[in-house]
Amino acid sequence: MHLAFYKAFNPKATLLDSLIGSFSKGCYSHVEIVIDYNKDGRSFCIGSSARDGGVRKKHIFLKDEQWEVIQLNFLTNEQIMKIHTALNKYLGYKYDILGALTSIFGIKVDIQNRVFCSELVALTVLGVMGEPFLISDIPPSYLRNKILELNKKHTTTIKDI
């Protein structure tokens, strides 16, 4: 399983992408959970997208100039299965634009049956792991850093054994 982070300042980024990247003090505006990664073609993803209206499954070309793809090497097979189960619960939820905007400022606005991209990742990936997170951890750039820390921690743990 991988996560794909959309680069907020790539040539195909929208004004909203750039604003999210700027306000969240990072360079990413969106994140997808990558179920089946294909470096040279379309990858199968699940995410919550404002463009698509909410949580959906979609094949996406994850081009290097637009996306940074990070493998989640700390997950067990059991955790991956639990994440799939959790993701299915959110399919069809609407996109939570208010939650996405307020999370940039560390404010939690919870609207029933709505979720934004990085909140979906936090609730499923971090939630299944029992990894605590704050609303201020949720913007894509912050979430990316948390994932990199978990990858590093996992690698260090394996080396230490």
Foldseek 3Di string as FASTA:
>chain_A
DKKKFFFLPFPPHDPQSVVLCVLLVHGTAFMWAFPADDQVAWTWTWFADVVVFGTDIDTDHRDPSTIDMGDQPQDDPVLVVQLVVLSVVLPPQGADPVQSVVLSVQDGDDDPSYYHGQRSCCCRNVVSVVNDDGSSCRGPRSVVVVSVVSVVVSVVVVVVD
